Each structure stands twice: as structure tokens, then as C-alpha cells.
N, C-alpha and C. Protein backbone atom coordinates (compact mmCIF):
# COMPACT_ATOMS: atom_id res chain seq x y z
N MET A 1 241.87 11.82 223.49
CA MET A 1 242.97 12.37 222.95
C MET A 1 243.07 13.19 223.99
N LYS A 2 244.32 13.33 225.07
CA LYS A 2 244.33 14.11 226.15
C LYS A 2 246.27 14.49 225.87
N LEU A 3 247.03 13.95 225.01
CA LEU A 3 247.86 14.31 225.56
C LEU A 3 248.76 13.74 224.02
N VAL A 4 249.36 14.79 223.50
CA VAL A 4 250.17 13.94 222.89
C VAL A 4 251.86 13.98 223.15
N VAL A 5 252.57 12.91 222.64
CA VAL A 5 254.30 12.97 223.00
C VAL A 5 254.50 12.82 222.03
N TRP A 6 255.54 13.63 221.71
CA TRP A 6 256.18 13.84 220.37
C TRP A 6 257.20 13.17 219.99
N ASP A 7 258.12 12.50 219.34
CA ASP A 7 259.52 12.92 219.00
C ASP A 7 260.00 14.39 218.62
N PHE A 8 261.19 14.57 218.95
CA PHE A 8 261.92 15.80 218.44
C PHE A 8 262.46 15.49 216.93
N ASP A 9 263.77 14.97 216.90
CA ASP A 9 264.13 14.70 215.11
C ASP A 9 263.54 14.25 214.83
N GLY A 10 263.38 15.36 213.53
CA GLY A 10 262.65 14.41 212.09
C GLY A 10 261.18 15.16 212.55
N THR A 11 260.37 15.17 213.59
CA THR A 11 259.32 14.63 214.09
C THR A 11 258.96 16.75 214.29
N LEU A 12 258.98 17.44 215.38
CA LEU A 12 258.58 18.14 215.76
C LEU A 12 259.37 19.49 215.18
N ALA A 13 261.08 18.96 214.88
CA ALA A 13 262.33 19.54 214.08
C ALA A 13 262.78 18.73 213.14
N ASP A 14 262.95 19.99 211.86
CA ASP A 14 264.01 18.97 210.63
C ASP A 14 265.35 19.57 211.65
N THR A 15 265.97 18.31 211.92
CA THR A 15 267.29 17.70 212.03
C THR A 15 268.48 17.29 211.18
N ARG A 16 267.97 17.16 209.74
CA ARG A 16 268.41 15.87 209.07
C ARG A 16 270.10 17.02 208.84
N LEU A 17 269.97 18.15 208.72
CA LEU A 17 271.39 19.21 208.02
C LEU A 17 272.27 18.75 209.29
N LEU A 18 272.11 18.98 210.43
CA LEU A 18 272.88 18.70 211.66
C LEU A 18 273.29 17.78 211.66
N ILE A 19 272.79 16.68 211.93
CA ILE A 19 272.73 15.68 212.10
C ILE A 19 274.05 15.11 210.70
N GLU A 20 274.16 15.45 210.07
CA GLU A 20 274.94 14.58 208.94
C GLU A 20 275.80 15.60 208.47
N ASP A 21 275.29 16.69 209.60
CA ASP A 21 277.06 17.81 209.28
C ASP A 21 277.96 16.59 210.31
N GLY A 22 277.75 16.66 211.42
CA GLY A 22 277.78 16.19 212.29
C GLY A 22 278.49 14.74 212.15
N MET A 23 277.91 14.18 211.76
CA MET A 23 278.76 12.84 211.17
C MET A 23 279.27 12.61 209.84
N ARG A 24 279.43 13.38 208.95
CA ARG A 24 280.22 13.97 208.19
C ARG A 24 281.66 14.47 208.79
N PHE A 25 281.60 15.28 209.94
CA PHE A 25 282.84 15.85 210.51
C PHE A 25 283.64 14.65 210.74
N ALA A 26 282.97 13.48 211.52
CA ALA A 26 282.83 12.09 212.40
C ALA A 26 283.85 11.45 211.67
N LEU A 27 283.51 10.75 210.40
CA LEU A 27 283.63 10.00 209.03
C LEU A 27 284.65 10.81 208.99
N LYS A 28 284.93 11.76 207.88
CA LYS A 28 286.14 12.28 207.95
C LYS A 28 287.25 12.70 208.42
N ALA A 29 287.11 13.10 210.82
CA ALA A 29 288.45 13.07 211.19
C ALA A 29 288.70 11.29 211.44
N MET A 30 287.49 10.11 211.13
CA MET A 30 288.27 8.42 211.46
C MET A 30 288.80 8.33 210.08
N GLY A 31 288.37 8.82 209.00
CA GLY A 31 289.13 8.50 207.66
C GLY A 31 288.46 6.75 207.45
N LYS A 32 286.77 7.35 207.77
CA LYS A 32 286.04 6.34 207.26
C LYS A 32 284.81 6.69 205.75
N PRO A 33 284.68 6.06 205.28
CA PRO A 33 283.93 6.29 204.15
C PRO A 33 282.68 6.87 204.53
N SER A 34 282.29 7.47 203.26
CA SER A 34 281.42 8.39 203.56
C SER A 34 280.17 7.55 203.22
N GLU A 35 280.13 6.30 202.55
CA GLU A 35 279.02 5.58 202.31
C GLU A 35 278.06 5.09 203.64
N LEU A 36 279.36 5.18 205.04
CA LEU A 36 278.33 4.94 206.61
C LEU A 36 277.44 5.80 206.86
N MET A 37 277.31 7.38 206.21
CA MET A 37 275.89 7.83 205.92
C MET A 37 274.95 7.73 206.65
N ASP A 38 274.11 6.76 205.46
CA ASP A 38 273.24 5.78 205.05
C ASP A 38 272.97 4.84 206.39
N LYS A 39 273.78 4.31 207.02
CA LYS A 39 273.59 3.72 208.01
C LYS A 39 273.48 4.10 208.89
N TRP A 40 274.41 5.34 209.07
CA TRP A 40 274.25 6.11 210.00
C TRP A 40 273.06 7.32 210.45
N LEU A 41 272.15 7.03 208.93
CA LEU A 41 271.12 7.84 209.30
C LEU A 41 269.79 6.92 209.71
N ALA A 42 270.09 5.58 209.27
CA ALA A 42 268.91 4.86 209.48
C ALA A 42 269.06 4.50 211.23
N CYS A 43 270.07 4.86 211.82
CA CYS A 43 269.89 4.55 213.21
C CYS A 43 269.32 5.85 214.13
N VAL A 44 269.32 6.90 213.53
CA VAL A 44 268.36 8.64 214.08
C VAL A 44 266.95 7.73 214.73
N GLY A 45 266.91 7.87 215.67
CA GLY A 45 266.15 7.68 216.95
C GLY A 45 266.22 6.98 218.08
N LEU A 46 267.56 6.47 217.99
CA LEU A 46 268.50 5.52 219.00
C LEU A 46 269.07 6.52 219.62
N PRO A 47 269.36 6.09 220.71
CA PRO A 47 270.50 6.96 221.80
C PRO A 47 271.46 7.00 221.32
N VAL A 48 272.67 7.53 220.98
CA VAL A 48 273.41 8.11 220.28
C VAL A 48 274.04 7.64 220.21
N GLU A 49 274.88 5.84 221.41
CA GLU A 49 275.60 5.32 221.62
C GLU A 49 275.55 3.78 220.74
N GLU A 50 273.89 3.79 221.11
CA GLU A 50 273.78 2.93 220.19
C GLU A 50 273.46 3.25 218.68
N GLY A 51 273.72 4.50 218.07
CA GLY A 51 273.59 4.40 216.76
C GLY A 51 275.06 3.99 216.31
N LEU A 52 276.14 4.50 217.24
CA LEU A 52 277.09 4.80 217.03
C LEU A 52 278.06 3.58 216.89
N ARG A 53 277.02 2.80 217.74
CA ARG A 53 278.06 1.58 217.73
C ARG A 53 277.19 0.83 216.76
N ARG A 54 276.22 0.88 216.45
CA ARG A 54 275.56 -0.07 214.81
C ARG A 54 276.23 0.67 213.64
N THR A 55 276.79 1.95 213.30
CA THR A 55 277.50 2.24 212.43
C THR A 55 278.42 1.72 212.01
N PHE A 56 279.11 2.29 213.62
CA PHE A 56 280.49 1.34 213.53
C PHE A 56 281.03 0.01 213.21
N ASP A 57 280.05 -0.64 214.30
CA ASP A 57 280.15 -2.47 214.90
C ASP A 57 281.51 -2.18 215.43
N VAL A 58 281.08 -1.27 216.59
CA VAL A 58 281.61 -0.99 217.79
C VAL A 58 281.99 -2.25 218.77
N ARG A 59 282.57 -3.13 219.00
CA ARG A 59 283.19 -4.17 219.25
C ARG A 59 283.68 -4.12 221.18
N ASN A 60 283.78 -3.11 221.67
CA ASN A 60 284.68 -2.80 223.02
C ASN A 60 284.34 -1.20 223.48
N ASP A 61 284.05 -0.86 224.52
CA ASP A 61 284.12 0.17 225.64
C ASP A 61 285.20 1.30 224.66
N SER A 62 286.57 0.89 224.91
CA SER A 62 287.86 1.60 224.88
C SER A 62 287.21 2.34 223.21
N GLU A 63 286.83 1.28 221.99
CA GLU A 63 285.98 2.14 220.83
C GLU A 63 285.24 3.13 221.04
N MET A 64 284.38 2.27 221.81
CA MET A 64 282.70 3.24 221.55
C MET A 64 283.39 4.37 222.44
N ASP A 65 284.63 4.94 223.73
CA ASP A 65 284.33 6.35 224.07
C ASP A 65 285.29 6.71 222.92
N SER A 66 286.33 5.92 222.13
CA SER A 66 287.24 6.79 221.30
C SER A 66 286.49 7.80 220.48
N ILE A 67 285.00 7.05 219.98
CA ILE A 67 284.26 7.51 218.95
C ILE A 67 283.58 8.41 219.69
N LEU A 68 282.53 8.29 220.21
CA LEU A 68 281.34 8.76 221.42
C LEU A 68 282.19 10.89 221.44
N ASN A 69 283.16 10.58 221.69
CA ASN A 69 284.08 11.55 222.46
C ASN A 69 284.30 12.14 220.83
N LEU A 70 284.84 11.97 220.02
CA LEU A 70 285.36 12.10 218.37
C LEU A 70 283.70 13.19 218.29
N TYR A 71 282.74 12.74 218.06
CA TYR A 71 281.68 12.79 217.62
C TYR A 71 281.12 14.05 218.11
N ARG A 72 281.12 13.68 219.27
CA ARG A 72 280.36 15.45 220.76
C ARG A 72 281.42 16.49 220.13
N SER A 73 282.87 15.84 219.62
CA SER A 73 283.54 17.07 220.11
C SER A 73 283.32 18.22 218.68
N TYR A 74 282.83 17.87 217.53
CA TYR A 74 281.77 18.86 216.61
C TYR A 74 280.99 19.84 217.23
N ASP A 75 280.76 20.70 216.67
CA ASP A 75 280.34 22.44 216.90
C ASP A 75 278.61 22.21 216.84
N TRP A 76 277.97 20.83 217.77
CA TRP A 76 276.96 21.07 217.96
C TRP A 76 276.23 22.64 218.08
N VAL A 77 276.84 23.37 219.33
CA VAL A 77 275.64 24.72 219.09
C VAL A 77 276.15 25.54 218.42
N GLY A 78 277.97 25.94 217.87
CA GLY A 78 277.45 26.49 217.15
C GLY A 78 276.91 26.51 215.06
N ASN A 79 276.38 24.70 215.37
CA ASN A 79 275.99 24.90 214.26
C ASN A 79 274.32 24.86 214.25
N THR A 80 273.78 25.08 215.52
CA THR A 80 272.64 25.27 215.66
C THR A 80 271.44 25.86 214.81
N HIS A 81 272.44 26.79 213.67
CA HIS A 81 271.72 27.07 212.65
C HIS A 81 270.57 26.17 211.67
N LEU A 82 271.81 24.91 211.80
CA LEU A 82 271.33 24.58 210.71
C LEU A 82 269.46 23.57 211.41
N ILE A 83 269.13 23.75 212.08
CA ILE A 83 267.73 23.36 212.29
C ILE A 83 266.44 24.13 212.77
N GLN A 84 265.81 23.56 212.33
CA GLN A 84 264.13 24.83 212.63
C GLN A 84 263.28 23.70 212.56
N PRO A 85 261.92 24.35 212.96
CA PRO A 85 260.47 23.77 213.49
C PRO A 85 260.21 22.88 211.96
N PHE A 86 259.86 21.96 211.53
CA PHE A 86 259.25 22.12 210.10
C PHE A 86 258.18 23.06 209.57
N PRO A 87 257.62 23.51 208.36
CA PRO A 87 257.02 24.32 208.82
C PRO A 87 255.37 24.27 208.73
N GLY A 88 254.85 25.06 210.29
CA GLY A 88 253.59 24.72 210.24
C GLY A 88 253.72 24.25 211.78
N MET A 89 254.57 24.02 212.15
CA MET A 89 255.02 22.98 213.16
C MET A 89 254.92 23.33 214.57
N GLN A 90 255.35 25.35 214.99
CA GLN A 90 255.20 25.80 216.11
C GLN A 90 253.68 26.15 216.14
N GLU A 91 253.49 26.42 214.85
CA GLU A 91 251.27 26.47 214.83
C GLU A 91 250.93 25.55 215.73
N LEU A 92 251.13 24.44 214.72
CA LEU A 92 250.70 23.43 215.94
C LEU A 92 250.75 23.36 217.13
N VAL A 93 251.66 23.28 217.43
CA VAL A 93 251.67 23.31 218.70
C VAL A 93 251.15 23.89 219.89
N ALA A 94 251.09 25.10 219.24
CA ALA A 94 250.92 26.57 220.12
C ALA A 94 249.14 26.47 219.96
N GLU A 95 248.50 26.09 218.72
CA GLU A 95 247.27 25.31 219.06
C GLU A 95 246.80 24.32 219.85
N LEU A 96 247.42 22.84 219.74
CA LEU A 96 247.18 22.32 220.75
C LEU A 96 247.41 22.89 222.16
N ASN A 97 248.05 23.42 222.54
CA ASN A 97 248.50 24.03 223.92
C ASN A 97 247.02 24.68 224.10
N ALA A 98 246.48 25.62 222.83
CA ALA A 98 245.26 26.49 223.73
C ALA A 98 244.33 25.78 223.97
N LYS A 99 244.10 24.44 222.27
CA LYS A 99 242.90 23.90 223.21
C LYS A 99 242.87 22.90 224.53
N GLY A 100 244.49 23.21 225.27
CA GLY A 100 244.30 22.37 226.37
C GLY A 100 245.10 20.50 226.37
N VAL A 101 244.85 20.50 224.92
CA VAL A 101 245.99 18.99 224.93
C VAL A 101 247.13 18.90 225.44
N LYS A 102 247.39 18.10 226.41
CA LYS A 102 248.84 18.38 227.10
C LYS A 102 249.94 17.28 226.30
N GLN A 103 251.17 17.96 226.13
CA GLN A 103 252.35 17.68 225.06
C GLN A 103 253.34 17.07 225.66
N ALA A 104 254.16 16.32 225.21
CA ALA A 104 254.86 15.57 225.89
C ALA A 104 255.96 15.56 225.21
N ILE A 105 257.36 15.42 225.42
CA ILE A 105 258.63 14.84 224.45
C ILE A 105 259.20 13.56 225.16
N ALA A 106 259.40 12.63 223.83
CA ALA A 106 260.37 11.30 224.27
C ALA A 106 260.94 11.38 223.38
N THR A 107 262.41 11.17 223.36
CA THR A 107 263.29 11.18 222.16
C THR A 107 264.42 10.71 222.91
N SER A 108 265.42 9.96 222.01
CA SER A 108 266.76 9.89 221.94
C SER A 108 267.57 10.88 222.24
N LYS A 109 267.59 11.95 221.61
CA LYS A 109 268.65 13.30 221.99
C LYS A 109 268.73 13.50 223.64
N ARG A 110 270.09 13.44 223.91
CA ARG A 110 269.92 13.86 225.39
C ARG A 110 270.09 15.39 226.30
N PHE A 111 268.95 15.30 227.22
CA PHE A 111 268.63 16.70 227.53
C PHE A 111 269.47 18.00 227.25
N LYS A 112 271.04 17.37 227.20
CA LYS A 112 271.85 19.04 226.99
C LYS A 112 271.80 19.85 226.21
N ALA A 113 271.37 18.80 225.00
CA ALA A 113 271.56 19.21 223.43
C ALA A 113 270.58 19.56 222.92
N LEU A 114 269.15 19.01 223.72
CA LEU A 114 267.20 18.96 223.79
C LEU A 114 267.27 20.60 223.97
N GLU A 115 267.11 20.73 225.69
CA GLU A 115 267.19 22.39 226.19
C GLU A 115 267.28 23.36 225.45
N PRO A 116 268.68 23.86 224.88
CA PRO A 116 268.73 24.85 224.09
C PRO A 116 267.79 24.95 223.03
N GLN A 117 267.89 24.04 222.12
CA GLN A 117 266.95 23.75 220.95
C GLN A 117 265.45 24.53 220.80
N LEU A 118 264.87 23.62 222.32
CA LEU A 118 263.47 23.88 223.23
C LEU A 118 263.27 25.09 222.92
N ALA A 119 264.44 25.70 223.42
CA ALA A 119 264.26 27.56 223.78
C ALA A 119 264.45 28.27 222.38
N ASP A 120 265.19 27.71 221.70
CA ASP A 120 265.35 28.97 220.41
C ASP A 120 264.51 28.50 219.98
N PHE A 121 263.39 27.73 220.21
CA PHE A 121 261.79 27.55 218.97
C PHE A 121 261.13 28.24 219.60
N GLY A 122 260.99 28.17 221.39
CA GLY A 122 259.62 28.97 222.17
C GLY A 122 259.58 27.92 222.95
N TRP A 123 259.78 27.07 222.87
CA TRP A 123 259.52 25.61 223.75
C TRP A 123 259.60 24.92 224.83
N ALA A 124 260.41 26.54 225.35
CA ALA A 124 260.59 25.49 226.82
C ALA A 124 259.67 25.10 227.68
N ASP A 125 258.38 26.01 227.25
CA ASP A 125 257.25 25.40 228.44
C ASP A 125 256.48 25.16 227.91
N SER A 126 256.58 24.39 226.45
CA SER A 126 255.17 23.72 225.47
C SER A 126 255.19 22.20 225.75
N PHE A 127 256.37 21.52 226.81
CA PHE A 127 256.25 20.22 226.81
C PHE A 127 256.39 19.74 228.22
N PHE A 128 255.88 18.29 228.81
CA PHE A 128 255.92 18.17 229.97
C PHE A 128 255.40 16.84 230.35
N PRO A 129 255.76 15.66 230.70
CA PRO A 129 257.57 15.96 231.06
C PRO A 129 258.01 16.04 229.43
N VAL A 130 259.90 16.24 229.84
CA VAL A 130 260.80 16.20 228.53
C VAL A 130 261.54 14.45 228.46
N ILE A 131 261.01 13.52 227.86
CA ILE A 131 261.84 12.33 228.54
C ILE A 131 262.77 12.10 227.45
N THR A 132 264.41 12.06 227.78
CA THR A 132 265.53 11.92 227.17
C THR A 132 266.35 10.87 227.61
N PRO A 133 266.92 9.96 227.09
CA PRO A 133 267.60 8.66 227.34
C PRO A 133 268.19 8.23 228.86
N GLU A 134 268.47 9.64 229.31
CA GLU A 134 269.45 9.54 230.60
C GLU A 134 268.45 9.80 232.12
N ARG A 135 267.18 9.96 231.45
CA ARG A 135 266.25 10.07 232.20
C ARG A 135 264.86 8.79 232.37
N VAL A 136 265.48 7.88 232.27
CA VAL A 136 264.73 6.23 231.96
C VAL A 136 265.87 5.51 231.58
N THR A 137 265.44 3.89 232.64
CA THR A 137 266.25 2.89 232.50
C THR A 137 266.34 2.24 231.06
N TYR A 138 264.94 2.47 230.51
CA TYR A 138 265.59 1.59 229.27
C TYR A 138 264.61 2.81 228.21
N PRO A 139 265.72 3.27 227.42
CA PRO A 139 265.09 4.40 226.36
C PRO A 139 265.08 3.19 225.14
N LYS A 140 264.57 4.17 224.31
CA LYS A 140 263.24 3.51 222.34
C LYS A 140 264.26 2.40 221.87
N PRO A 141 263.72 1.32 221.38
CA PRO A 141 262.06 1.10 221.64
C PRO A 141 261.48 0.57 222.76
N HIS A 142 261.91 0.92 223.90
CA HIS A 142 261.44 0.25 224.85
C HIS A 142 259.90 1.15 225.70
N PRO A 143 259.17 0.79 226.16
CA PRO A 143 257.83 1.42 225.90
C PRO A 143 257.96 2.48 227.76
N GLU A 144 259.35 2.09 228.23
CA GLU A 144 259.38 3.34 229.29
C GLU A 144 259.09 4.84 229.51
N SER A 145 259.56 5.24 228.41
CA SER A 145 259.72 6.69 228.34
C SER A 145 258.12 6.63 227.83
N LEU A 146 257.37 6.32 227.26
CA LEU A 146 256.24 6.78 226.97
C LEU A 146 255.16 6.26 228.33
N GLU A 147 255.79 5.37 229.23
CA GLU A 147 254.63 4.73 230.54
C GLU A 147 255.21 6.07 231.27
N VAL A 148 256.55 6.70 231.41
CA VAL A 148 256.53 7.78 232.10
C VAL A 148 255.77 8.96 232.26
N CYS A 149 255.70 9.09 230.65
CA CYS A 149 254.70 10.44 230.36
C CYS A 149 253.03 10.33 230.75
N LEU A 150 252.41 8.63 230.45
CA LEU A 150 251.16 8.57 231.05
C LEU A 150 251.06 8.23 232.77
N ASN A 151 252.08 8.05 233.27
CA ASN A 151 251.84 8.09 234.45
C ASN A 151 252.36 9.42 235.27
N THR A 152 252.91 10.39 234.83
CA THR A 152 252.41 11.64 234.61
C THR A 152 251.95 12.47 234.85
N HIS A 153 250.90 12.27 234.06
CA HIS A 153 249.71 13.33 233.94
C HIS A 153 248.38 11.97 234.15
N ASN A 154 249.05 10.94 234.57
CA ASN A 154 248.05 9.97 235.21
C ASN A 154 246.92 9.46 234.34
N LEU A 155 247.39 9.33 233.04
CA LEU A 155 246.25 9.32 232.11
C LEU A 155 246.64 7.11 231.39
N HIS A 156 245.62 6.66 231.01
CA HIS A 156 245.67 5.49 230.59
C HIS A 156 246.21 5.47 228.67
N SER A 157 246.72 4.54 228.29
CA SER A 157 247.40 4.52 226.51
C SER A 157 246.15 4.99 226.32
N GLU A 158 244.90 4.71 226.14
CA GLU A 158 244.11 4.80 225.10
C GLU A 158 243.87 6.39 225.23
N ASP A 159 244.24 7.22 225.92
CA ASP A 159 244.28 8.84 226.16
C ASP A 159 245.16 9.17 225.48
N ALA A 160 246.25 9.12 225.05
CA ALA A 160 247.93 9.58 224.60
C ALA A 160 247.54 8.89 222.32
N MET A 161 248.46 9.99 222.18
CA MET A 161 249.10 9.89 220.72
C MET A 161 250.23 10.09 220.65
N MET A 162 251.13 8.94 220.72
CA MET A 162 252.91 9.05 219.83
C MET A 162 252.82 9.63 218.23
N VAL A 163 253.30 10.43 218.08
CA VAL A 163 253.69 11.16 216.85
C VAL A 163 255.31 10.77 216.41
N GLY A 164 255.92 9.95 215.62
CA GLY A 164 257.37 9.95 215.26
C GLY A 164 257.42 9.72 214.01
N ASP A 165 258.90 9.38 213.59
CA ASP A 165 258.97 9.58 212.15
C ASP A 165 259.96 8.24 211.98
N THR A 166 260.50 7.19 212.95
CA THR A 166 260.82 6.40 212.28
C THR A 166 260.08 4.83 213.08
N LEU A 167 260.65 3.67 212.78
CA LEU A 167 260.19 2.73 213.20
C LEU A 167 260.43 2.63 215.14
N PHE A 168 261.75 3.13 216.00
CA PHE A 168 261.75 3.15 216.96
C PHE A 168 260.57 3.53 218.16
N ASP A 169 260.17 4.85 217.22
CA ASP A 169 259.21 5.87 218.15
C ASP A 169 258.13 4.65 218.21
N LEU A 170 257.74 4.21 216.30
CA LEU A 170 256.41 3.27 216.53
C LEU A 170 256.22 2.10 216.90
N ASN A 171 257.44 1.70 217.07
CA ASN A 171 257.45 0.27 217.89
C ASN A 171 257.76 0.79 219.99
N MET A 172 257.73 1.21 220.26
CA MET A 172 257.68 2.15 221.44
C MET A 172 256.06 2.44 222.10
N ALA A 173 255.63 2.95 220.95
CA ALA A 173 254.18 3.30 221.14
C ALA A 173 253.49 1.36 221.16
N ASN A 174 253.49 1.10 220.12
CA ASN A 174 252.89 -0.52 220.24
C ASN A 174 252.88 -1.15 221.48
N ALA A 175 254.63 -1.06 221.68
CA ALA A 175 254.62 -2.00 223.29
C ALA A 175 253.98 -1.11 224.42
N ALA A 176 253.91 0.18 224.28
CA ALA A 176 253.52 0.86 225.51
C ALA A 176 251.93 0.54 225.36
N LYS A 177 250.90 0.56 223.93
CA LYS A 177 250.07 0.23 223.68
C LYS A 177 248.99 2.08 223.61
N VAL A 178 249.77 2.43 222.53
CA VAL A 178 249.38 3.82 222.50
C VAL A 178 249.24 4.14 221.14
N PRO A 179 248.25 4.39 220.79
CA PRO A 179 247.77 4.59 219.45
C PRO A 179 249.11 5.84 218.36
N CYS A 180 249.23 5.23 217.50
CA CYS A 180 250.63 6.60 216.97
C CYS A 180 249.92 6.49 215.86
N ILE A 181 250.81 8.07 215.10
CA ILE A 181 250.81 8.70 213.88
C ILE A 181 252.23 8.16 213.35
N GLY A 182 252.75 7.93 212.21
CA GLY A 182 253.73 8.20 211.31
C GLY A 182 254.30 8.79 210.86
N VAL A 183 255.02 10.07 210.81
CA VAL A 183 255.25 11.49 209.72
C VAL A 183 256.53 10.58 208.83
N THR A 184 256.19 11.21 207.52
CA THR A 184 257.43 10.53 206.66
C THR A 184 258.10 11.71 206.08
N TYR A 185 257.99 12.76 207.15
CA TYR A 185 258.76 13.90 205.97
C TYR A 185 260.00 14.00 207.31
N GLY A 186 260.50 13.13 208.01
CA GLY A 186 261.39 12.92 208.98
C GLY A 186 262.41 11.83 208.69
N PHE A 187 262.76 10.80 209.01
CA PHE A 187 264.29 9.97 208.26
C PHE A 187 263.22 8.70 207.70
N ALA A 188 262.09 8.44 207.73
CA ALA A 188 261.93 6.81 206.94
C ALA A 188 260.56 7.46 205.98
N ASP A 189 260.37 6.33 205.37
CA ASP A 189 259.13 6.41 204.48
C ASP A 189 258.00 6.02 205.41
N GLU A 190 256.86 5.66 204.61
CA GLU A 190 255.39 5.49 205.00
C GLU A 190 255.96 3.57 204.82
N SER A 191 256.86 3.28 203.66
CA SER A 191 256.55 1.73 203.84
C SER A 191 257.25 0.80 205.14
N GLN A 192 258.76 1.69 205.32
CA GLN A 192 258.96 1.21 206.39
C GLN A 192 257.70 1.50 207.91
N LEU A 193 257.33 2.81 207.40
CA LEU A 193 256.57 3.02 209.03
C LEU A 193 254.85 1.93 209.31
N ALA A 194 255.10 1.53 207.79
CA ALA A 194 253.87 0.53 207.92
C ALA A 194 253.83 -0.45 208.64
N ASN A 195 255.06 -1.12 208.29
CA ASN A 195 255.05 -1.82 209.25
C ASN A 195 255.06 -2.25 210.35
N ALA A 196 255.20 -0.92 211.35
CA ALA A 196 254.22 -1.26 212.61
C ALA A 196 252.78 -0.60 213.44
N ALA A 197 252.23 -0.27 211.87
CA ALA A 197 250.95 -0.40 211.53
C ALA A 197 250.17 0.85 212.72
N PRO A 198 250.78 1.77 212.23
CA PRO A 198 250.03 2.67 213.08
C PRO A 198 249.15 3.58 212.55
N ILE A 199 248.35 4.35 212.59
CA ILE A 199 246.82 5.07 212.41
C ILE A 199 246.77 4.94 211.34
N ALA A 200 247.98 6.05 211.03
CA ALA A 200 247.47 7.33 209.44
C ALA A 200 249.11 6.66 209.83
N CYS A 201 250.03 7.95 208.44
CA CYS A 201 251.11 8.53 207.82
C CYS A 201 250.73 9.30 207.61
N VAL A 202 251.14 10.44 207.58
CA VAL A 202 251.59 12.02 206.94
C VAL A 202 252.48 12.28 206.37
N GLY A 203 252.28 13.38 205.82
CA GLY A 203 253.90 13.46 204.76
C GLY A 203 253.82 15.33 204.94
N ASN A 204 253.07 15.83 205.60
CA ASN A 204 253.72 16.80 206.34
C ASN A 204 252.45 17.27 207.26
N VAL A 205 253.09 18.93 208.40
CA VAL A 205 252.40 19.27 209.47
C VAL A 205 250.74 19.48 209.27
N VAL A 206 250.43 20.14 207.97
CA VAL A 206 248.98 19.69 207.66
C VAL A 206 248.43 19.18 207.64
N GLU A 207 248.89 17.20 207.09
CA GLU A 207 247.88 16.59 207.47
C GLU A 207 248.15 16.11 208.68
N LEU A 208 249.10 16.55 209.21
CA LEU A 208 249.55 16.06 210.66
C LEU A 208 247.72 16.51 211.44
N ARG A 209 248.22 17.76 211.47
CA ARG A 209 247.34 18.43 212.03
C ARG A 209 245.76 18.20 212.22
N LYS A 210 245.30 17.94 210.91
CA LYS A 210 244.27 17.32 210.79
C LYS A 210 243.63 15.99 211.38
N ILE A 211 244.05 15.11 211.00
CA ILE A 211 244.30 13.76 211.78
C ILE A 211 244.16 13.81 213.41
N LEU A 212 245.25 15.14 214.19
CA LEU A 212 244.80 14.94 215.46
C LEU A 212 243.50 16.21 215.60
N LEU A 213 243.24 16.81 214.46
CA LEU A 213 241.92 17.71 215.19
C LEU A 213 240.73 16.51 215.16
N LYS A 214 241.12 16.03 214.52
CA LYS A 214 239.61 14.80 214.43
C LYS A 214 239.44 13.95 215.85
N PHE A 215 240.80 13.60 216.16
CA PHE A 215 240.55 13.28 217.19
C PHE A 215 240.14 13.59 218.12
N LEU A 216 240.43 14.95 218.22
CA LEU A 216 239.89 15.93 219.49
C LEU A 216 238.55 16.21 219.29
N LYS A 217 238.11 16.15 217.71
CA LYS A 217 236.48 16.39 218.04
C LYS A 217 235.55 15.24 218.13
N GLN A 218 236.41 13.89 217.92
CA GLN A 218 236.19 12.52 218.10
C GLN A 218 235.42 12.38 219.58
N ASP A 219 237.10 12.80 220.47
CA ASP A 219 236.66 12.86 221.97
C ASP A 219 235.26 13.91 222.59
N ASP A 220 234.71 14.85 222.38
CA ASP A 220 234.08 16.21 221.52
C ASP A 220 233.00 15.24 222.27
N HIS A 221 232.62 14.74 220.47
CA HIS A 221 231.49 14.16 220.72
C HIS A 221 231.14 12.80 221.06
N GLY A 222 232.01 12.12 221.39
CA GLY A 222 232.32 10.15 221.64
C GLY A 222 231.93 9.72 221.00
N SER A 223 232.22 9.70 219.62
CA SER A 223 231.86 9.21 218.22
C SER A 223 233.27 8.83 217.97
N ASN A 224 233.55 7.40 217.01
CA ASN A 224 234.25 6.87 216.86
C ASN A 224 235.27 7.68 215.46
N THR A 225 236.01 7.49 215.00
CA THR A 225 236.67 8.03 213.77
C THR A 225 237.80 7.39 213.31
N THR A 226 237.10 7.27 211.36
CA THR A 226 237.76 6.02 210.99
C THR A 226 239.15 6.59 209.94
N PHE A 227 239.97 5.82 209.56
CA PHE A 227 240.59 6.68 208.54
C PHE A 227 240.86 5.47 207.60
């Protein structure tokens, strides 16, 4: 394992409170029922436009522009205190960097929103490349984001590991033939993630660290690891 590719929302960082607050603002402004929140949360992992399209059954570009503009009018920057790295994640990212493992991000969050969040966590230089929807032709679950990460480091699919919390992440990994780990502390549970046949599902960063370090040890000894 030479490269770990991370999803951001629900994998590296706990952004649920911010995502819920932003949608709560939009639902109130539009006079829509709060029950739509569950539908919206099921779309986390997709680019925001596609998530809004599915949540509100958007039928035309004019309606999409109106909803998108309203959603983006929420004070995202002023509420970044609602997000934080998952417990132990900053230590794990630092440890992998110290061990020489390359790390990248493949996310559906746009770079304009992601960049200050990475800076706040001290991660401005921890991941390369950082692939966001506007940097590819086809975002998740298309494999292009992972393919860009692999090509950037001149690696093969078996050299990498994708870590994500939604089926969009794991389906992308499968399409790119990259092994993947599902984390259940984000936006999907194990029963959902199991549909994509990840090599493992983990419930916290401690478990995730053990899996990743086993793969590093496997590479060092040239042996197979069974989970």
C-alpha cells in the first residue's frame, strides 16, 4: 500500500452537523418539510448539484439554480466550528505521512469549501492530489477521481487503498479496481456498505488504523494479510 485515497465528509472529518444545519436552513427558507432531511443525507457523497436534484426532484435548470443559490447562501464559513476531524484522525494522517505513505483526497465537496477546512485542521500540505468535482469530467461514483490520483503518483490500482463512508466512494473504488475500506462512523452503516464488498468495514479510527498498518506490514514482509 503506497497510497491512501480519502473521502472527506464523514471519513476524514465529522461534517454531519454542518451539513444538517445547511439543509435545515434551506428547507425552512423554501417551506419544505423537515422529512426531506433523511433524503438529503442519503445523497451525501455526491456532488451538491446531484444531491439537491435527487432530494427535491428537480426537473429543470432554472429550479436547480434557484435551489442551489439558496443552499449556498447559508453561512458556511461562519459555521465551520460545527466540523472537526474524527477522533484520532489527525494522528493517523500524521503517522501515515511519517511512514512515507502518500495520501490523497477524492471528494464531492468543491475545493473552495474544502480548502479552508483543510487549512483549519493543519492539513493544507498533507494530501496530494486533492480531487474535487470541478477538477474532473466525471465525479463520483465514476472512477476518474481515483484514476487521477493513481496517475499522479504513477501507481497501479493494487498499490492504493480507498477509504470512504458511502457507497458512492466504494463503488468508485470498485470501478477503478482499487481495494477499499468502508467506515461506518460517517453517513452509511455496515449493511449498506457491505453491498460494495469492501475488504473491511470499521466503526472508528482505531480500527481503521489497525487495518491500514496491517497492509503496510504486509508490504514490508511480502506476505498476504487475511481479514
